Amino acid sequence: MVQALASQHKDPRRELCQWNELVRGSPSVFDAGSSYDPTPANPVVYHLHGHNRVPESMVLTDDDYLDFLVRISSREALLPHQIQRALTGSSLLFVGYSLSDWTFRVLYRGLVSATEKSLRRISVTVQLPPPSGDDPEVGQNIQNYMDQYFGSTDMKVSWCTAREFCAELKRRWDNFSSRG
């Protein structure tokens, strides 16, 4: 993402979630006294699960994952307020998370409960259609249930692959752009 933004003449900053003792205290663009405020020209790329250039920042093992979830759900200040503000005040696109993924569920539930209904933006999650086995009605029932459940929290579920979603998003963007 940093490279993609830089190729579009942006000046992105990379930030790591300081979820463990080995990462906590490392330099941050959000340190006290810093005047940095993310903008479209100077965005931040926030690595919630770490980055391979800082191996100790990565959430890799089952124990890491459990520790990460405990810390992210119990320490309000773990996410910098700029990241919290962006997450709660923006439409979000979740690609690569399963609806059964615990990180997705903890983050989403935390965001939903932290945001007043009147302030919520519509967000989208891209999901593979559920397996239906021999009965297509089973998969459709699961989709209907999930659509209703997440719809009540202003989350729209797009039942397709990430590739299909991106192709449709590009088609719609091109169509929108050509009208201008």
N, C-alpha and C. Protein backbone atom coordinates (compact mmCIF):
# COMPACT_ATOMS: atom_id res chain seq x y z
N MET A 1 0.83 -1.18 0.00
CA MET A 1 0.00 0.00 0.00
C MET A 1 0.88 1.25 0.00
N VAL A 2 1.96 1.21 0.79
CA VAL A 2 2.87 2.36 0.83
C VAL A 2 3.44 2.61 -0.56
N GLN A 3 3.86 1.56 -1.25
CA GLN A 3 4.41 1.71 -2.60
C GLN A 3 3.35 2.22 -3.58
N ALA A 4 2.13 1.69 -3.48
CA ALA A 4 1.05 2.13 -4.37
C ALA A 4 0.76 3.62 -4.17
N LEU A 5 0.72 4.06 -2.93
CA LEU A 5 0.46 5.47 -2.64
C LEU A 5 1.61 6.34 -3.15
N ALA A 6 2.84 5.90 -2.90
CA ALA A 6 4.00 6.66 -3.36
C ALA A 6 4.02 6.77 -4.88
N SER A 7 3.59 5.70 -5.56
CA SER A 7 3.56 5.75 -7.03
C SER A 7 2.52 6.75 -7.55
N GLN A 8 1.59 7.15 -6.68
CA GLN A 8 0.58 8.15 -7.04
C GLN A 8 0.95 9.53 -6.48
N HIS A 9 2.25 9.71 -6.19
CA HIS A 9 2.81 10.98 -5.73
C HIS A 9 2.26 11.42 -4.37
N LYS A 10 2.00 10.45 -3.52
CA LYS A 10 1.61 10.72 -2.14
C LYS A 10 2.84 10.51 -1.26
N ASP A 11 2.78 11.00 -0.04
CA ASP A 11 3.87 10.83 0.91
C ASP A 11 3.34 10.05 2.12
N PRO A 12 3.19 8.71 1.96
CA PRO A 12 2.60 7.92 3.05
C PRO A 12 3.58 7.67 4.19
N ARG A 13 3.03 7.51 5.38
CA ARG A 13 3.80 7.13 6.55
C ARG A 13 3.33 5.76 7.00
N ARG A 14 4.26 4.91 7.36
CA ARG A 14 3.94 3.57 7.84
C ARG A 14 3.88 3.60 9.36
N GLU A 15 2.82 3.00 9.91
CA GLU A 15 2.64 2.95 11.37
C GLU A 15 2.29 1.53 11.77
N LEU A 16 2.86 1.06 12.87
CA LEU A 16 2.60 -0.28 13.38
C LEU A 16 1.75 -0.22 14.64
N CYS A 17 0.84 -1.16 14.78
CA CYS A 17 0.10 -1.30 16.02
C CYS A 17 1.07 -1.77 17.10
N GLN A 18 1.12 -1.06 18.19
CA GLN A 18 2.07 -1.39 19.26
C GLN A 18 1.39 -2.30 20.29
N TRP A 19 1.04 -3.48 19.84
CA TRP A 19 0.23 -4.41 20.63
C TRP A 19 1.03 -5.25 21.62
N ASN A 20 2.35 -5.28 21.51
CA ASN A 20 3.12 -6.09 22.46
C ASN A 20 4.33 -5.30 22.99
N GLU A 21 4.93 -5.84 24.03
CA GLU A 21 6.05 -5.16 24.70
C GLU A 21 7.24 -4.93 23.78
N LEU A 22 7.44 -5.81 22.79
CA LEU A 22 8.59 -5.67 21.90
C LEU A 22 8.43 -4.52 20.91
N VAL A 23 7.21 -4.11 20.67
CA VAL A 23 6.94 -3.03 19.72
C VAL A 23 6.61 -1.73 20.46
N ARG A 24 5.98 -1.87 21.64
CA ARG A 24 5.57 -0.70 22.39
C ARG A 24 6.77 0.19 22.68
N GLY A 25 6.59 1.46 22.47
CA GLY A 25 7.67 2.40 22.72
C GLY A 25 8.51 2.70 21.49
N SER A 26 8.29 1.95 20.39
CA SER A 26 9.04 2.27 19.18
C SER A 26 8.51 3.59 18.61
N PRO A 27 9.33 4.30 17.84
CA PRO A 27 8.90 5.60 17.32
C PRO A 27 7.57 5.50 16.56
N SER A 28 6.76 6.52 16.73
CA SER A 28 5.45 6.55 16.10
C SER A 28 5.20 7.93 15.52
N VAL A 29 4.52 7.97 14.39
CA VAL A 29 4.16 9.26 13.79
C VAL A 29 3.14 9.97 14.66
N PHE A 30 2.54 9.25 15.61
CA PHE A 30 1.53 9.83 16.49
C PHE A 30 2.06 10.11 17.90
N ASP A 31 3.39 10.12 18.08
CA ASP A 31 3.96 10.40 19.40
C ASP A 31 3.53 11.79 19.87
N ALA A 32 3.47 11.95 21.18
CA ALA A 32 3.13 13.26 21.75
C ALA A 32 4.10 14.30 21.21
N GLY A 33 3.58 15.44 20.86
CA GLY A 33 4.41 16.51 20.32
C GLY A 33 4.52 16.48 18.81
N SER A 34 4.10 15.38 18.20
CA SER A 34 4.14 15.30 16.74
C SER A 34 3.00 16.13 16.15
N SER A 35 3.29 16.84 15.10
CA SER A 35 2.26 17.65 14.44
C SER A 35 1.63 16.90 13.26
N TYR A 36 2.03 15.65 13.07
CA TYR A 36 1.52 14.89 11.92
C TYR A 36 0.03 14.60 12.06
N ASP A 37 -0.70 14.94 11.02
CA ASP A 37 -2.12 14.61 10.93
C ASP A 37 -2.32 14.07 9.52
N PRO A 38 -2.77 12.81 9.39
CA PRO A 38 -2.91 12.22 8.06
C PRO A 38 -3.83 13.05 7.15
N THR A 39 -3.42 13.17 5.91
CA THR A 39 -4.21 13.86 4.89
C THR A 39 -4.18 13.01 3.63
N PRO A 40 -5.02 13.31 2.65
CA PRO A 40 -4.94 12.55 1.39
C PRO A 40 -3.55 12.63 0.73
N ALA A 41 -2.87 13.74 0.88
CA ALA A 41 -1.53 13.87 0.29
C ALA A 41 -0.46 13.19 1.14
N ASN A 42 -0.71 13.09 2.45
CA ASN A 42 0.23 12.50 3.40
C ASN A 42 -0.49 11.47 4.27
N PRO A 43 -0.94 10.37 3.67
CA PRO A 43 -1.73 9.39 4.43
C PRO A 43 -0.86 8.52 5.33
N VAL A 44 -1.54 7.81 6.23
CA VAL A 44 -0.87 6.83 7.06
C VAL A 44 -1.36 5.44 6.63
N VAL A 45 -0.43 4.50 6.56
CA VAL A 45 -0.77 3.10 6.32
C VAL A 45 -0.55 2.41 7.65
N TYR A 46 -1.64 1.97 8.26
CA TYR A 46 -1.59 1.40 9.60
C TYR A 46 -1.60 -0.12 9.52
N HIS A 47 -0.53 -0.74 10.01
CA HIS A 47 -0.38 -2.19 9.97
C HIS A 47 -0.88 -2.77 11.29
N LEU A 48 -2.12 -3.14 11.32
CA LEU A 48 -2.76 -3.63 12.54
C LEU A 48 -2.12 -4.93 13.03
N HIS A 49 -1.77 -5.81 12.10
CA HIS A 49 -1.18 -7.10 12.46
C HIS A 49 0.33 -7.15 12.26
N GLY A 50 0.95 -6.00 12.17
CA GLY A 50 2.39 -5.94 12.05
C GLY A 50 2.87 -5.86 10.62
N HIS A 51 4.18 -5.82 10.49
CA HIS A 51 4.82 -5.72 9.17
C HIS A 51 6.08 -6.58 9.17
N ASN A 52 6.37 -7.20 8.03
CA ASN A 52 7.50 -8.13 7.98
C ASN A 52 8.86 -7.46 8.19
N ARG A 53 8.96 -6.16 8.03
CA ARG A 53 10.22 -5.48 8.30
C ARG A 53 10.50 -5.36 9.79
N VAL A 54 9.45 -5.56 10.60
CA VAL A 54 9.59 -5.55 12.07
C VAL A 54 8.93 -6.84 12.55
N PRO A 55 9.67 -7.96 12.47
CA PRO A 55 9.07 -9.26 12.76
C PRO A 55 8.36 -9.35 14.11
N GLU A 56 8.91 -8.67 15.12
CA GLU A 56 8.28 -8.75 16.44
C GLU A 56 6.91 -8.04 16.49
N SER A 57 6.58 -7.29 15.46
CA SER A 57 5.28 -6.61 15.41
C SER A 57 4.18 -7.50 14.84
N MET A 58 4.56 -8.61 14.25
CA MET A 58 3.59 -9.43 13.52
C MET A 58 2.79 -10.36 14.44
N VAL A 59 1.52 -10.49 14.10
CA VAL A 59 0.62 -11.41 14.79
C VAL A 59 0.64 -12.69 13.97
N LEU A 60 1.38 -13.71 14.46
CA LEU A 60 1.60 -14.91 13.66
C LEU A 60 1.05 -16.19 14.27
N THR A 61 1.32 -16.40 15.54
CA THR A 61 0.93 -17.66 16.18
C THR A 61 -0.45 -17.54 16.81
N ASP A 62 -1.02 -18.67 17.20
CA ASP A 62 -2.30 -18.65 17.90
C ASP A 62 -2.19 -17.83 19.19
N ASP A 63 -1.08 -17.98 19.91
CA ASP A 63 -0.89 -17.21 21.14
C ASP A 63 -0.79 -15.71 20.84
N ASP A 64 -0.06 -15.35 19.77
CA ASP A 64 0.00 -13.94 19.36
C ASP A 64 -1.41 -13.41 19.12
N TYR A 65 -2.18 -14.19 18.40
CA TYR A 65 -3.53 -13.79 18.02
C TYR A 65 -4.40 -13.57 19.24
N LEU A 66 -4.35 -14.49 20.20
CA LEU A 66 -5.12 -14.33 21.43
C LEU A 66 -4.65 -13.12 22.23
N ASP A 67 -3.33 -12.96 22.36
CA ASP A 67 -2.79 -11.80 23.08
C ASP A 67 -3.22 -10.50 22.38
N PHE A 68 -3.13 -10.49 21.07
CA PHE A 68 -3.53 -9.31 20.30
C PHE A 68 -4.99 -8.96 20.57
N LEU A 69 -5.87 -9.95 20.49
CA LEU A 69 -7.30 -9.71 20.69
C LEU A 69 -7.59 -9.19 22.10
N VAL A 70 -6.94 -9.79 23.10
CA VAL A 70 -7.14 -9.34 24.48
C VAL A 70 -6.70 -7.88 24.61
N ARG A 71 -5.55 -7.56 24.08
CA ARG A 71 -5.03 -6.20 24.23
C ARG A 71 -5.83 -5.17 23.43
N ILE A 72 -6.22 -5.52 22.22
CA ILE A 72 -6.96 -4.56 21.38
C ILE A 72 -8.34 -4.29 21.97
N SER A 73 -8.92 -5.29 22.63
CA SER A 73 -10.26 -5.10 23.19
C SER A 73 -10.23 -4.47 24.58
N SER A 74 -9.09 -4.51 25.27
CA SER A 74 -9.05 -4.00 26.65
C SER A 74 -8.30 -2.68 26.79
N ARG A 75 -7.56 -2.29 25.79
CA ARG A 75 -6.78 -1.04 25.89
C ARG A 75 -7.28 -0.05 24.85
N GLU A 76 -8.11 0.86 25.31
CA GLU A 76 -8.70 1.84 24.40
C GLU A 76 -7.62 2.66 23.69
N ALA A 77 -6.55 2.97 24.37
CA ALA A 77 -5.50 3.81 23.81
C ALA A 77 -4.53 3.05 22.91
N LEU A 78 -4.73 1.74 22.73
CA LEU A 78 -3.81 0.97 21.89
C LEU A 78 -3.85 1.48 20.44
N LEU A 79 -5.02 1.80 19.95
CA LEU A 79 -5.13 2.41 18.63
C LEU A 79 -5.04 3.93 18.80
N PRO A 80 -4.11 4.59 18.09
CA PRO A 80 -4.02 6.05 18.21
C PRO A 80 -5.37 6.70 17.89
N HIS A 81 -5.65 7.83 18.55
CA HIS A 81 -6.96 8.46 18.36
C HIS A 81 -7.21 8.84 16.90
N GLN A 82 -6.14 9.13 16.13
CA GLN A 82 -6.33 9.44 14.71
C GLN A 82 -6.86 8.22 13.95
N ILE A 83 -6.38 7.04 14.32
CA ILE A 83 -6.84 5.80 13.68
C ILE A 83 -8.26 5.50 14.15
N GLN A 84 -8.52 5.64 15.44
CA GLN A 84 -9.88 5.43 15.95
C GLN A 84 -10.87 6.36 15.27
N ARG A 85 -10.50 7.63 15.13
CA ARG A 85 -11.36 8.62 14.48
C ARG A 85 -11.63 8.23 13.03
N ALA A 86 -10.60 7.79 12.33
CA ALA A 86 -10.78 7.39 10.93
C ALA A 86 -11.68 6.16 10.83
N LEU A 87 -11.50 5.22 11.75
CA LEU A 87 -12.31 4.00 11.71
C LEU A 87 -13.77 4.26 12.05
N THR A 88 -14.02 5.12 13.02
CA THR A 88 -15.40 5.34 13.45
C THR A 88 -16.12 6.41 12.63
N GLY A 89 -15.37 7.25 11.93
CA GLY A 89 -16.01 8.34 11.19
C GLY A 89 -15.97 8.16 9.69
N SER A 90 -15.68 6.97 9.22
CA SER A 90 -15.53 6.74 7.79
C SER A 90 -16.30 5.49 7.37
N SER A 91 -16.57 5.43 6.09
CA SER A 91 -17.04 4.16 5.54
C SER A 91 -15.83 3.25 5.45
N LEU A 92 -16.01 1.99 5.79
CA LEU A 92 -14.90 1.04 5.81
C LEU A 92 -15.13 -0.04 4.78
N LEU A 93 -14.05 -0.55 4.22
CA LEU A 93 -14.09 -1.67 3.30
C LEU A 93 -13.23 -2.77 3.88
N PHE A 94 -13.85 -3.91 4.20
CA PHE A 94 -13.13 -5.05 4.76
C PHE A 94 -12.97 -6.09 3.66
N VAL A 95 -11.74 -6.30 3.23
CA VAL A 95 -11.43 -7.31 2.22
C VAL A 95 -10.40 -8.24 2.84
N GLY A 96 -10.64 -9.54 2.75
CA GLY A 96 -9.68 -10.50 3.26
C GLY A 96 -10.01 -11.01 4.65
N TYR A 97 -11.09 -10.54 5.23
CA TYR A 97 -11.54 -11.05 6.52
C TYR A 97 -12.76 -11.93 6.30
N SER A 98 -12.83 -13.00 7.01
CA SER A 98 -14.03 -13.83 7.01
C SER A 98 -14.97 -13.28 8.08
N LEU A 99 -16.26 -13.43 7.86
CA LEU A 99 -17.22 -13.00 8.88
C LEU A 99 -17.03 -13.78 10.18
N SER A 100 -16.37 -14.93 10.11
CA SER A 100 -16.11 -15.71 11.31
C SER A 100 -14.73 -15.42 11.90
N ASP A 101 -13.96 -14.51 11.29
CA ASP A 101 -12.63 -14.15 11.76
C ASP A 101 -12.76 -13.34 13.06
N TRP A 102 -12.09 -13.80 14.12
CA TRP A 102 -12.22 -13.14 15.41
C TRP A 102 -11.72 -11.71 15.39
N THR A 103 -10.65 -11.41 14.67
CA THR A 103 -10.17 -10.03 14.63
C THR A 103 -11.23 -9.14 14.01
N PHE A 104 -11.80 -9.58 12.91
CA PHE A 104 -12.87 -8.81 12.27
C PHE A 104 -14.01 -8.58 13.24
N ARG A 105 -14.43 -9.64 13.90
CA ARG A 105 -15.59 -9.54 14.79
C ARG A 105 -15.31 -8.63 15.98
N VAL A 106 -14.13 -8.75 16.60
CA VAL A 106 -13.79 -7.90 17.74
C VAL A 106 -13.71 -6.43 17.30
N LEU A 107 -13.00 -6.18 16.22
CA LEU A 107 -12.88 -4.80 15.74
C LEU A 107 -14.23 -4.22 15.35
N TYR A 108 -14.99 -4.98 14.59
CA TYR A 108 -16.26 -4.46 14.11
C TYR A 108 -17.22 -4.22 15.27
N ARG A 109 -17.31 -5.17 16.19
CA ARG A 109 -18.21 -4.98 17.33
C ARG A 109 -17.77 -3.78 18.16
N GLY A 110 -16.46 -3.63 18.34
CA GLY A 110 -15.95 -2.47 19.07
C GLY A 110 -16.27 -1.17 18.37
N LEU A 111 -16.15 -1.16 17.05
CA LEU A 111 -16.44 0.05 16.29
C LEU A 111 -17.93 0.35 16.31
N VAL A 112 -18.74 -0.67 16.16
CA VAL A 112 -20.19 -0.47 16.14
C VAL A 112 -20.66 0.04 17.49
N SER A 113 -20.19 -0.57 18.56
CA SER A 113 -20.66 -0.16 19.88
C SER A 113 -20.10 1.21 20.26
N ALA A 114 -18.98 1.61 19.67
CA ALA A 114 -18.38 2.90 20.00
C ALA A 114 -18.97 4.05 19.20
N THR A 115 -19.76 3.75 18.19
CA THR A 115 -20.27 4.79 17.30
C THR A 115 -21.78 4.89 17.42
N GLU A 116 -22.25 6.10 17.65
CA GLU A 116 -23.69 6.31 17.69
C GLU A 116 -24.29 5.98 16.34
N LYS A 117 -25.48 5.40 16.35
CA LYS A 117 -26.12 4.98 15.11
C LYS A 117 -26.24 6.14 14.13
N SER A 118 -26.54 7.32 14.60
CA SER A 118 -26.72 8.46 13.70
C SER A 118 -25.41 8.90 13.05
N LEU A 119 -24.27 8.50 13.63
CA LEU A 119 -22.97 8.90 13.08
C LEU A 119 -22.33 7.83 12.21
N ARG A 120 -22.91 6.63 12.18
CA ARG A 120 -22.31 5.53 11.41
C ARG A 120 -22.38 5.78 9.92
N ARG A 121 -21.35 5.35 9.25
CA ARG A 121 -21.31 5.38 7.79
C ARG A 121 -21.56 3.96 7.31
N ILE A 122 -22.03 3.85 6.09
CA ILE A 122 -22.21 2.52 5.52
C ILE A 122 -20.84 1.94 5.21
N SER A 123 -20.62 0.71 5.61
CA SER A 123 -19.38 0.01 5.32
C SER A 123 -19.70 -1.24 4.53
N VAL A 124 -18.65 -1.81 3.94
CA VAL A 124 -18.82 -2.98 3.08
C VAL A 124 -17.81 -4.04 3.47
N THR A 125 -18.26 -5.28 3.50
CA THR A 125 -17.34 -6.41 3.66
C THR A 125 -17.49 -7.31 2.44
N VAL A 126 -16.38 -7.72 1.89
CA VAL A 126 -16.38 -8.62 0.73
C VAL A 126 -16.20 -10.03 1.25
N GLN A 127 -17.16 -10.89 0.92
CA GLN A 127 -17.17 -12.26 1.45
C GLN A 127 -17.40 -13.26 0.33
N LEU A 128 -16.72 -14.39 0.43
CA LEU A 128 -17.01 -15.50 -0.47
C LEU A 128 -18.38 -16.06 -0.11
N PRO A 129 -19.18 -16.44 -1.10
CA PRO A 129 -20.47 -17.06 -0.77
C PRO A 129 -20.24 -18.30 0.09
N PRO A 130 -21.11 -18.51 1.08
CA PRO A 130 -20.92 -19.67 1.96
C PRO A 130 -21.16 -20.97 1.22
N PRO A 131 -20.46 -22.02 1.61
CA PRO A 131 -20.68 -23.32 0.97
C PRO A 131 -22.10 -23.81 1.29
N SER A 132 -22.72 -24.40 0.30
CA SER A 132 -24.09 -24.86 0.53
C SER A 132 -24.21 -26.37 0.44
N GLY A 133 -23.10 -27.05 0.19
CA GLY A 133 -23.15 -28.51 0.08
C GLY A 133 -24.05 -28.91 -1.08
N ASP A 134 -24.91 -29.86 -0.84
CA ASP A 134 -25.81 -30.35 -1.89
C ASP A 134 -27.08 -29.52 -2.02
N ASP A 135 -27.31 -28.61 -1.08
CA ASP A 135 -28.56 -27.86 -1.06
C ASP A 135 -28.27 -26.36 -1.19
N PRO A 136 -28.49 -25.77 -2.39
CA PRO A 136 -28.21 -24.35 -2.60
C PRO A 136 -29.01 -23.44 -1.65
N GLU A 137 -30.13 -23.94 -1.15
CA GLU A 137 -30.95 -23.14 -0.25
C GLU A 137 -30.23 -22.86 1.07
N VAL A 138 -29.37 -23.79 1.49
CA VAL A 138 -28.62 -23.61 2.73
C VAL A 138 -27.72 -22.38 2.61
N GLY A 139 -26.95 -22.29 1.52
CA GLY A 139 -26.08 -21.14 1.30
C GLY A 139 -26.86 -19.84 1.22
N GLN A 140 -28.00 -19.87 0.56
CA GLN A 140 -28.83 -18.67 0.44
C GLN A 140 -29.38 -18.25 1.79
N ASN A 141 -29.77 -19.21 2.61
CA ASN A 141 -30.27 -18.90 3.96
C ASN A 141 -29.18 -18.25 4.81
N ILE A 142 -27.95 -18.75 4.68
CA ILE A 142 -26.83 -18.17 5.42
C ILE A 142 -26.60 -16.73 4.96
N GLN A 143 -26.59 -16.54 3.65
CA GLN A 143 -26.41 -15.18 3.11
C GLN A 143 -27.50 -14.24 3.61
N ASN A 144 -28.75 -14.68 3.56
CA ASN A 144 -29.86 -13.84 4.00
C ASN A 144 -29.71 -13.46 5.47
N TYR A 145 -29.33 -14.44 6.29
CA TYR A 145 -29.15 -14.18 7.72
C TYR A 145 -28.03 -13.15 7.94
N MET A 146 -26.90 -13.36 7.29
CA MET A 146 -25.76 -12.45 7.45
C MET A 146 -26.08 -11.07 6.91
N ASP A 147 -26.78 -10.99 5.79
CA ASP A 147 -27.19 -9.69 5.24
C ASP A 147 -28.05 -8.94 6.26
N GLN A 148 -28.99 -9.64 6.87
CA GLN A 148 -29.89 -9.02 7.84
C GLN A 148 -29.12 -8.62 9.10
N TYR A 149 -28.29 -9.52 9.61
CA TYR A 149 -27.53 -9.25 10.83
C TYR A 149 -26.63 -8.04 10.65
N PHE A 150 -25.81 -8.04 9.61
CA PHE A 150 -24.88 -6.93 9.41
C PHE A 150 -25.58 -5.69 8.89
N GLY A 151 -26.68 -5.86 8.16
CA GLY A 151 -27.45 -4.71 7.68
C GLY A 151 -27.97 -3.86 8.82
N SER A 152 -28.27 -4.48 9.94
CA SER A 152 -28.77 -3.72 11.09
C SER A 152 -27.69 -2.83 11.69
N THR A 153 -26.45 -3.05 11.31
CA THR A 153 -25.34 -2.22 11.80
C THR A 153 -24.72 -1.40 10.66
N ASP A 154 -25.45 -1.26 9.57
CA ASP A 154 -25.00 -0.48 8.41
C ASP A 154 -23.79 -1.08 7.70
N MET A 155 -23.67 -2.39 7.75
CA MET A 155 -22.62 -3.11 7.03
C MET A 155 -23.28 -3.86 5.88
N LYS A 156 -22.85 -3.57 4.68
CA LYS A 156 -23.34 -4.28 3.51
C LYS A 156 -22.36 -5.41 3.18
N VAL A 157 -22.91 -6.58 2.86
CA VAL A 157 -22.08 -7.72 2.51
C VAL A 157 -22.12 -7.90 1.01
N SER A 158 -20.94 -7.92 0.39
CA SER A 158 -20.84 -8.19 -1.04
C SER A 158 -20.36 -9.63 -1.20
N TRP A 159 -21.22 -10.48 -1.72
CA TRP A 159 -20.94 -11.92 -1.81
C TRP A 159 -20.23 -12.22 -3.13
N CYS A 160 -18.90 -12.09 -3.13
CA CYS A 160 -18.10 -12.35 -4.32
C CYS A 160 -16.64 -12.47 -3.91
N THR A 161 -15.77 -12.72 -4.87
CA THR A 161 -14.33 -12.75 -4.59
C THR A 161 -13.81 -11.32 -4.55
N ALA A 162 -12.64 -11.14 -3.97
CA ALA A 162 -12.01 -9.82 -3.94
C ALA A 162 -11.74 -9.34 -5.37
N ARG A 163 -11.34 -10.24 -6.24
CA ARG A 163 -11.08 -9.88 -7.64
C ARG A 163 -12.36 -9.38 -8.31
N GLU A 164 -13.47 -10.09 -8.11
CA GLU A 164 -14.75 -9.67 -8.70
C GLU A 164 -15.20 -8.32 -8.14
N PHE A 165 -15.01 -8.14 -6.84
CA PHE A 165 -15.39 -6.88 -6.21
C PHE A 165 -14.58 -5.73 -6.80
N CYS A 166 -13.26 -5.91 -6.92
CA CYS A 166 -12.41 -4.85 -7.46
C CYS A 166 -12.76 -4.53 -8.91
N ALA A 167 -13.06 -5.56 -9.70
CA ALA A 167 -13.44 -5.33 -11.10
C ALA A 167 -14.74 -4.53 -11.16
N GLU A 168 -15.71 -4.85 -10.32
CA GLU A 168 -16.98 -4.12 -10.30
C GLU A 168 -16.78 -2.70 -9.78
N LEU A 169 -15.94 -2.54 -8.77
CA LEU A 169 -15.65 -1.21 -8.25
C LEU A 169 -15.00 -0.35 -9.32
N LYS A 170 -14.05 -0.92 -10.05
CA LYS A 170 -13.39 -0.18 -11.14
C LYS A 170 -14.39 0.18 -12.23
N ARG A 171 -15.26 -0.76 -12.59
CA ARG A 171 -16.27 -0.48 -13.62
C ARG A 171 -17.17 0.69 -13.19
N ARG A 172 -17.60 0.66 -11.93
CA ARG A 172 -18.47 1.73 -11.44
C ARG A 172 -17.73 3.06 -11.35
N TRP A 173 -16.45 3.01 -10.94
CA TRP A 173 -15.67 4.24 -10.86
C TRP A 173 -15.48 4.84 -12.25
N ASP A 174 -15.12 4.00 -13.22
CA ASP A 174 -14.97 4.47 -14.59
C ASP A 174 -16.26 5.08 -15.11
N ASN A 175 -17.37 4.44 -14.82
CA ASN A 175 -18.69 4.95 -15.24
C ASN A 175 -18.98 6.29 -14.57
N PHE A 176 -18.70 6.39 -13.28
CA PHE A 176 -18.91 7.63 -12.53
C PHE A 176 -18.01 8.73 -13.08
N SER A 177 -16.73 8.42 -13.32
CA SER A 177 -15.76 9.40 -13.78
C SER A 177 -16.08 9.92 -15.17
N SER A 178 -16.65 9.07 -16.01
CA SER A 178 -16.94 9.50 -17.39
C SER A 178 -18.14 10.43 -17.45
N ARG A 179 -18.94 10.50 -16.41
CA ARG A 179 -20.10 11.39 -16.40
C ARG A 179 -19.71 12.83 -16.13
N GLY A 180 -18.52 13.03 -15.49
CA GLY A 180 -18.10 14.36 -15.06
C GLY A 180 -17.78 15.24 -16.17
